[in-house]
């Protein structure tokens, strides 16, 4: 049961980050605002590709059944939403977005990694 919950959460994380990455490619200004900072430019496309690749890495590990490796990758990747929160705060974004969206994402990733490690 724990492994199923972990895989469902990992799949949701992968799908969500791929959708977010696509949004940065298709509607960069709106995506930047949702991220917590206003902006335009090529760096938003870079973020979009990074997000899509991150989601695909999670999917590859899930399909391969590499449960423990998946958990360690998710744990290591938690640095991304933590850094995103710091970036939002340093760029004058709101604390609610920094802690609510990015901090919440980090917590879900840690919980997911822990569930997968326990399996």
N, C-alpha and C. Protein backbone atom coordinates (compact mmCIF):
# COMPACT_ATOMS: atom_id res chain seq x y z
N UNK A 1 0.83 -1.20 0.00
CA UNK A 1 0.00 0.00 0.00
C UNK A 1 0.87 1.26 0.00
N UNK A 2 1.93 1.26 0.82
CA UNK A 2 2.81 2.44 0.89
C UNK A 2 3.46 2.71 -0.46
N UNK A 3 3.91 1.66 -1.13
CA UNK A 3 4.55 1.85 -2.43
C UNK A 3 3.56 2.41 -3.45
N UNK A 4 2.30 1.98 -3.38
CA UNK A 4 1.28 2.48 -4.29
C UNK A 4 1.06 3.97 -4.06
N UNK A 5 0.94 4.37 -2.81
CA UNK A 5 0.76 5.80 -2.49
C UNK A 5 1.98 6.59 -2.97
N UNK A 6 3.17 6.06 -2.73
CA UNK A 6 4.39 6.74 -3.18
C UNK A 6 4.44 6.90 -4.68
N UNK A 7 4.07 5.83 -5.40
CA UNK A 7 4.07 5.91 -6.86
C UNK A 7 3.00 6.86 -7.38
N UNK A 8 1.84 6.87 -6.77
CA UNK A 8 0.79 7.81 -7.19
C UNK A 8 1.27 9.25 -6.98
N UNK A 9 1.84 9.52 -5.81
CA UNK A 9 2.36 10.87 -5.55
C UNK A 9 3.48 11.23 -6.51
N UNK A 10 4.39 10.30 -6.77
CA UNK A 10 5.49 10.57 -7.71
C UNK A 10 4.94 10.85 -9.10
N UNK A 11 3.93 10.09 -9.51
CA UNK A 11 3.31 10.32 -10.81
C UNK A 11 2.64 11.68 -10.90
N UNK A 12 1.98 12.07 -9.82
CA UNK A 12 1.34 13.39 -9.79
C UNK A 12 2.40 14.50 -9.84
N UNK A 13 3.48 14.30 -9.11
CA UNK A 13 4.58 15.28 -9.14
C UNK A 13 5.12 15.40 -10.57
N UNK A 14 5.37 14.25 -11.20
CA UNK A 14 5.91 14.27 -12.57
C UNK A 14 4.96 14.96 -13.54
N UNK A 15 3.68 14.60 -13.47
CA UNK A 15 2.70 15.21 -14.38
C UNK A 15 2.58 16.71 -14.14
N UNK A 16 2.53 17.10 -12.88
CA UNK A 16 2.39 18.53 -12.55
C UNK A 16 3.58 19.34 -13.05
N UNK A 17 4.79 18.83 -12.85
CA UNK A 17 5.96 19.61 -13.25
C UNK A 17 6.09 19.66 -14.77
N UNK A 18 5.64 18.62 -15.46
CA UNK A 18 5.64 18.67 -16.93
C UNK A 18 4.64 19.71 -17.42
N UNK A 19 3.46 19.76 -16.82
CA UNK A 19 2.46 20.77 -17.19
C UNK A 19 2.98 22.18 -16.89
N UNK A 20 3.60 22.34 -15.74
CA UNK A 20 4.16 23.65 -15.39
C UNK A 20 5.25 24.04 -16.39
N UNK A 21 6.10 23.08 -16.75
CA UNK A 21 7.15 23.36 -17.74
C UNK A 21 6.57 23.76 -19.09
N UNK A 22 5.54 23.06 -19.51
CA UNK A 22 4.89 23.40 -20.78
C UNK A 22 4.30 24.80 -20.72
N UNK A 23 3.74 25.14 -19.57
CA UNK A 23 3.16 26.49 -19.41
C UNK A 23 4.24 27.56 -19.56
N UNK A 24 5.44 27.29 -19.03
CA UNK A 24 6.54 28.25 -19.17
C UNK A 24 6.96 28.41 -20.62
N UNK A 25 6.75 27.39 -21.43
CA UNK A 25 7.08 27.50 -22.85
C UNK A 25 5.96 28.18 -23.64
N UNK A 26 4.71 27.91 -23.26
CA UNK A 26 3.56 28.40 -24.03
C UNK A 26 3.03 29.75 -23.56
N UNK A 27 3.10 30.01 -22.27
CA UNK A 27 2.58 31.27 -21.71
C UNK A 27 3.55 31.74 -20.62
N UNK A 28 4.74 32.17 -21.01
CA UNK A 28 5.78 32.46 -20.04
C UNK A 28 5.44 33.56 -19.03
N UNK A 29 4.78 34.61 -19.44
CA UNK A 29 4.47 35.69 -18.50
C UNK A 29 3.49 35.21 -17.43
N UNK A 30 2.46 34.50 -17.84
CA UNK A 30 1.49 33.98 -16.88
C UNK A 30 2.13 32.95 -15.96
N UNK A 31 2.99 32.11 -16.52
CA UNK A 31 3.68 31.10 -15.71
C UNK A 31 4.60 31.75 -14.69
N UNK A 32 5.30 32.81 -15.10
CA UNK A 32 6.20 33.52 -14.17
C UNK A 32 5.41 34.12 -13.02
N UNK A 33 4.26 34.67 -13.33
CA UNK A 33 3.41 35.24 -12.28
C UNK A 33 2.95 34.14 -11.32
N UNK A 34 2.58 32.99 -11.86
CA UNK A 34 2.18 31.86 -11.02
C UNK A 34 3.33 31.33 -10.19
N UNK A 35 4.54 31.44 -10.71
CA UNK A 35 5.76 31.04 -10.00
C UNK A 35 6.00 31.95 -8.81
N UNK A 36 5.57 33.20 -8.95
CA UNK A 36 5.71 34.15 -7.85
C UNK A 36 6.46 35.42 -8.17
N UNK A 37 6.90 35.55 -9.41
CA UNK A 37 7.61 36.76 -9.82
C UNK A 37 7.18 37.15 -11.23
N UNK A 38 7.08 38.43 -11.50
CA UNK A 38 6.77 38.83 -12.87
C UNK A 38 8.01 38.64 -13.75
N UNK A 39 7.80 38.40 -15.01
CA UNK A 39 8.98 38.28 -15.85
C UNK A 39 8.69 37.89 -17.26
N UNK A 40 9.69 38.08 -18.08
CA UNK A 40 9.69 37.70 -19.48
C UNK A 40 11.11 37.32 -19.84
N UNK A 41 11.28 36.63 -20.94
CA UNK A 41 12.61 36.37 -21.44
C UNK A 41 12.94 34.91 -21.60
N UNK A 42 14.12 34.69 -22.16
CA UNK A 42 14.58 33.35 -22.49
C UNK A 42 14.74 32.47 -21.26
N UNK A 43 15.04 33.06 -20.11
CA UNK A 43 15.24 32.25 -18.91
C UNK A 43 13.98 31.48 -18.53
N UNK A 44 12.83 31.97 -18.93
CA UNK A 44 11.59 31.27 -18.64
C UNK A 44 11.47 30.00 -19.49
N UNK A 45 11.96 30.05 -20.71
CA UNK A 45 11.99 28.84 -21.54
C UNK A 45 12.96 27.82 -20.95
N UNK A 46 14.06 28.29 -20.42
CA UNK A 46 15.02 27.40 -19.77
C UNK A 46 14.35 26.69 -18.60
N UNK A 47 13.60 27.43 -17.81
CA UNK A 47 12.90 26.83 -16.68
C UNK A 47 11.88 25.82 -17.18
N UNK A 48 11.19 26.13 -18.25
CA UNK A 48 10.20 25.21 -18.81
C UNK A 48 10.82 23.89 -19.21
N UNK A 49 11.93 23.94 -19.91
CA UNK A 49 12.61 22.72 -20.33
C UNK A 49 13.13 21.96 -19.12
N UNK A 50 13.68 22.66 -18.13
CA UNK A 50 14.17 22.01 -16.91
C UNK A 50 13.03 21.26 -16.21
N UNK A 51 11.90 21.88 -16.13
CA UNK A 51 10.75 21.26 -15.47
C UNK A 51 10.27 20.03 -16.23
N UNK A 52 10.16 20.14 -17.55
CA UNK A 52 9.72 19.00 -18.35
C UNK A 52 10.71 17.84 -18.20
N UNK A 53 11.99 18.13 -18.28
CA UNK A 53 13.01 17.07 -18.14
C UNK A 53 12.94 16.44 -16.75
N UNK A 54 12.73 17.25 -15.72
CA UNK A 54 12.63 16.71 -14.35
C UNK A 54 11.46 15.74 -14.24
N UNK A 55 10.33 16.11 -14.81
CA UNK A 55 9.17 15.22 -14.79
C UNK A 55 9.41 13.94 -15.55
N UNK A 56 10.07 14.03 -16.68
CA UNK A 56 10.36 12.84 -17.47
C UNK A 56 11.34 11.90 -16.75
N UNK A 57 12.28 12.45 -16.03
CA UNK A 57 13.21 11.62 -15.26
C UNK A 57 12.45 10.81 -14.22
N UNK A 58 11.51 11.45 -13.55
CA UNK A 58 10.69 10.74 -12.56
C UNK A 58 9.91 9.62 -13.24
N UNK A 59 9.32 9.90 -14.39
CA UNK A 59 8.54 8.89 -15.11
C UNK A 59 9.42 7.72 -15.53
N UNK A 60 10.62 7.99 -16.04
CA UNK A 60 11.53 6.92 -16.45
C UNK A 60 11.86 6.02 -15.27
N UNK A 61 12.14 6.61 -14.11
CA UNK A 61 12.46 5.81 -12.93
C UNK A 61 11.25 5.00 -12.47
N UNK A 62 10.06 5.57 -12.60
CA UNK A 62 8.85 4.83 -12.23
C UNK A 62 8.64 3.64 -13.17
N UNK A 63 8.76 3.87 -14.46
CA UNK A 63 8.56 2.81 -15.44
C UNK A 63 9.60 1.70 -15.25
N UNK A 64 10.81 2.08 -14.90
CA UNK A 64 11.87 1.10 -14.67
C UNK A 64 11.69 0.34 -13.37
N UNK A 65 10.79 0.82 -12.52
CA UNK A 65 10.57 0.16 -11.24
C UNK A 65 11.71 0.37 -10.26
N UNK A 66 12.47 1.43 -10.47
CA UNK A 66 13.63 1.73 -9.62
C UNK A 66 13.17 2.54 -8.40
N UNK A 67 12.43 1.88 -7.52
CA UNK A 67 11.76 2.55 -6.42
C UNK A 67 12.73 3.31 -5.51
N UNK A 68 13.79 2.65 -5.07
CA UNK A 68 14.70 3.33 -4.15
C UNK A 68 15.48 4.44 -4.84
N UNK A 69 15.88 4.20 -6.09
CA UNK A 69 16.55 5.26 -6.85
C UNK A 69 15.60 6.44 -7.05
N UNK A 70 14.35 6.15 -7.37
CA UNK A 70 13.34 7.20 -7.52
C UNK A 70 13.24 8.02 -6.24
N UNK A 71 13.22 7.35 -5.10
CA UNK A 71 13.09 8.08 -3.84
C UNK A 71 14.29 8.99 -3.60
N UNK A 72 15.49 8.51 -3.89
CA UNK A 72 16.68 9.35 -3.68
C UNK A 72 16.72 10.51 -4.68
N UNK A 73 16.29 10.27 -5.90
CA UNK A 73 16.24 11.36 -6.91
C UNK A 73 15.23 12.42 -6.48
N UNK A 74 14.06 11.98 -6.01
CA UNK A 74 13.06 12.95 -5.53
C UNK A 74 13.61 13.75 -4.35
N UNK A 75 14.29 13.06 -3.44
CA UNK A 75 14.86 13.76 -2.29
C UNK A 75 15.91 14.78 -2.73
N UNK A 76 16.78 14.38 -3.65
CA UNK A 76 17.79 15.32 -4.15
C UNK A 76 17.15 16.48 -4.90
N UNK A 77 16.10 16.19 -5.66
CA UNK A 77 15.43 17.22 -6.45
C UNK A 77 14.64 18.19 -5.59
N UNK A 78 14.47 17.88 -4.33
CA UNK A 78 13.76 18.80 -3.43
C UNK A 78 14.47 20.15 -3.33
N UNK A 79 15.74 20.16 -3.69
CA UNK A 79 16.48 21.44 -3.69
C UNK A 79 15.84 22.43 -4.68
N UNK A 80 15.19 21.91 -5.72
CA UNK A 80 14.60 22.80 -6.73
C UNK A 80 13.49 23.66 -6.13
N UNK A 81 12.44 23.09 -5.52
CA UNK A 81 11.41 23.97 -4.96
C UNK A 81 11.90 24.80 -3.78
N UNK A 82 12.87 24.29 -3.03
CA UNK A 82 13.44 25.10 -1.93
C UNK A 82 14.14 26.32 -2.51
N UNK A 83 14.94 26.10 -3.55
CA UNK A 83 15.62 27.23 -4.20
C UNK A 83 14.61 28.16 -4.86
N UNK A 84 13.56 27.59 -5.45
CA UNK A 84 12.52 28.42 -6.05
C UNK A 84 11.89 29.35 -5.01
N UNK A 85 11.64 28.82 -3.80
CA UNK A 85 11.08 29.65 -2.72
C UNK A 85 12.01 30.80 -2.38
N UNK A 86 13.30 30.50 -2.29
CA UNK A 86 14.29 31.54 -1.99
C UNK A 86 14.32 32.58 -3.10
N UNK A 87 14.27 32.12 -4.34
CA UNK A 87 14.28 33.05 -5.48
C UNK A 87 13.07 33.97 -5.43
N UNK A 88 11.90 33.41 -5.15
CA UNK A 88 10.68 34.23 -5.06
C UNK A 88 10.83 35.28 -3.97
N UNK A 89 11.30 34.87 -2.80
CA UNK A 89 11.46 35.81 -1.69
C UNK A 89 12.49 36.88 -2.01
N UNK A 90 13.61 36.52 -2.62
CA UNK A 90 14.66 37.49 -2.94
C UNK A 90 14.27 38.42 -4.07
N UNK A 91 13.27 38.00 -4.86
CA UNK A 91 12.82 38.81 -5.99
C UNK A 91 11.60 39.66 -5.65
N UNK A 92 11.24 39.70 -4.38
CA UNK A 92 10.12 40.53 -3.97
C UNK A 92 8.77 39.86 -4.11
N UNK A 93 8.76 38.56 -4.35
CA UNK A 93 7.50 37.83 -4.45
C UNK A 93 6.87 37.66 -3.08
N UNK A 94 5.67 37.13 -3.06
CA UNK A 94 4.94 37.01 -1.81
C UNK A 94 5.38 35.77 -1.03
N UNK A 95 5.28 35.88 0.29
CA UNK A 95 5.61 34.75 1.15
C UNK A 95 4.62 33.61 0.95
N UNK A 96 3.37 33.95 0.65
CA UNK A 96 2.38 32.90 0.46
C UNK A 96 2.73 32.00 -0.73
N UNK A 97 3.23 32.58 -1.80
CA UNK A 97 3.64 31.78 -2.95
C UNK A 97 4.92 31.02 -2.62
N UNK A 98 5.88 31.71 -2.01
CA UNK A 98 7.16 31.06 -1.69
C UNK A 98 6.96 29.86 -0.79
N UNK A 99 6.22 30.06 0.30
CA UNK A 99 6.05 28.97 1.25
C UNK A 99 4.91 28.03 0.87
N UNK A 100 3.82 28.60 0.37
CA UNK A 100 2.66 27.79 0.03
C UNK A 100 2.89 26.89 -1.16
N UNK A 101 3.33 27.46 -2.26
CA UNK A 101 3.51 26.68 -3.48
C UNK A 101 4.84 25.93 -3.46
N UNK A 102 5.93 26.68 -3.34
CA UNK A 102 7.25 26.05 -3.43
C UNK A 102 7.59 25.25 -2.18
N UNK A 103 7.29 25.80 -1.02
CA UNK A 103 7.52 25.05 0.22
C UNK A 103 6.64 23.83 0.30
N UNK A 104 5.39 23.97 -0.10
CA UNK A 104 4.47 22.84 -0.11
C UNK A 104 4.93 21.74 -1.05
N UNK A 105 5.44 22.14 -2.20
CA UNK A 105 5.97 21.16 -3.15
C UNK A 105 7.14 20.40 -2.54
N UNK A 106 8.03 21.12 -1.87
CA UNK A 106 9.18 20.47 -1.23
C UNK A 106 8.72 19.45 -0.19
N UNK A 107 7.72 19.81 0.60
CA UNK A 107 7.21 18.89 1.62
C UNK A 107 6.62 17.64 0.98
N UNK A 108 5.82 17.81 -0.07
CA UNK A 108 5.23 16.65 -0.76
C UNK A 108 6.33 15.76 -1.33
N UNK A 109 7.37 16.36 -1.87
CA UNK A 109 8.46 15.57 -2.43
C UNK A 109 9.19 14.79 -1.34
N UNK A 110 9.43 15.39 -0.19
CA UNK A 110 10.10 14.69 0.91
C UNK A 110 9.22 13.55 1.41
N UNK A 111 7.93 13.80 1.57
CA UNK A 111 7.00 12.76 2.03
C UNK A 111 6.97 11.61 1.01
N UNK A 112 6.90 11.94 -0.26
CA UNK A 112 6.89 10.91 -1.30
C UNK A 112 8.16 10.08 -1.27
N UNK A 113 9.31 10.76 -1.17
CA UNK A 113 10.58 10.04 -1.08
C UNK A 113 10.61 9.12 0.14
N UNK A 114 10.12 9.61 1.28
CA UNK A 114 10.11 8.79 2.49
C UNK A 114 9.22 7.56 2.32
N UNK A 115 8.04 7.73 1.71
CA UNK A 115 7.16 6.60 1.48
C UNK A 115 7.82 5.55 0.59
N UNK A 116 8.49 6.02 -0.45
CA UNK A 116 9.16 5.09 -1.36
C UNK A 116 10.34 4.41 -0.69
N UNK A 117 11.05 5.12 0.17
CA UNK A 117 12.17 4.50 0.89
C UNK A 117 11.71 3.44 1.87
N UNK A 118 10.51 3.61 2.41
CA UNK A 118 9.97 2.65 3.38
C UNK A 118 9.46 1.38 2.70
N UNK A 119 9.30 1.42 1.39
CA UNK A 119 8.71 0.26 0.72
C UNK A 119 9.74 -0.86 0.53
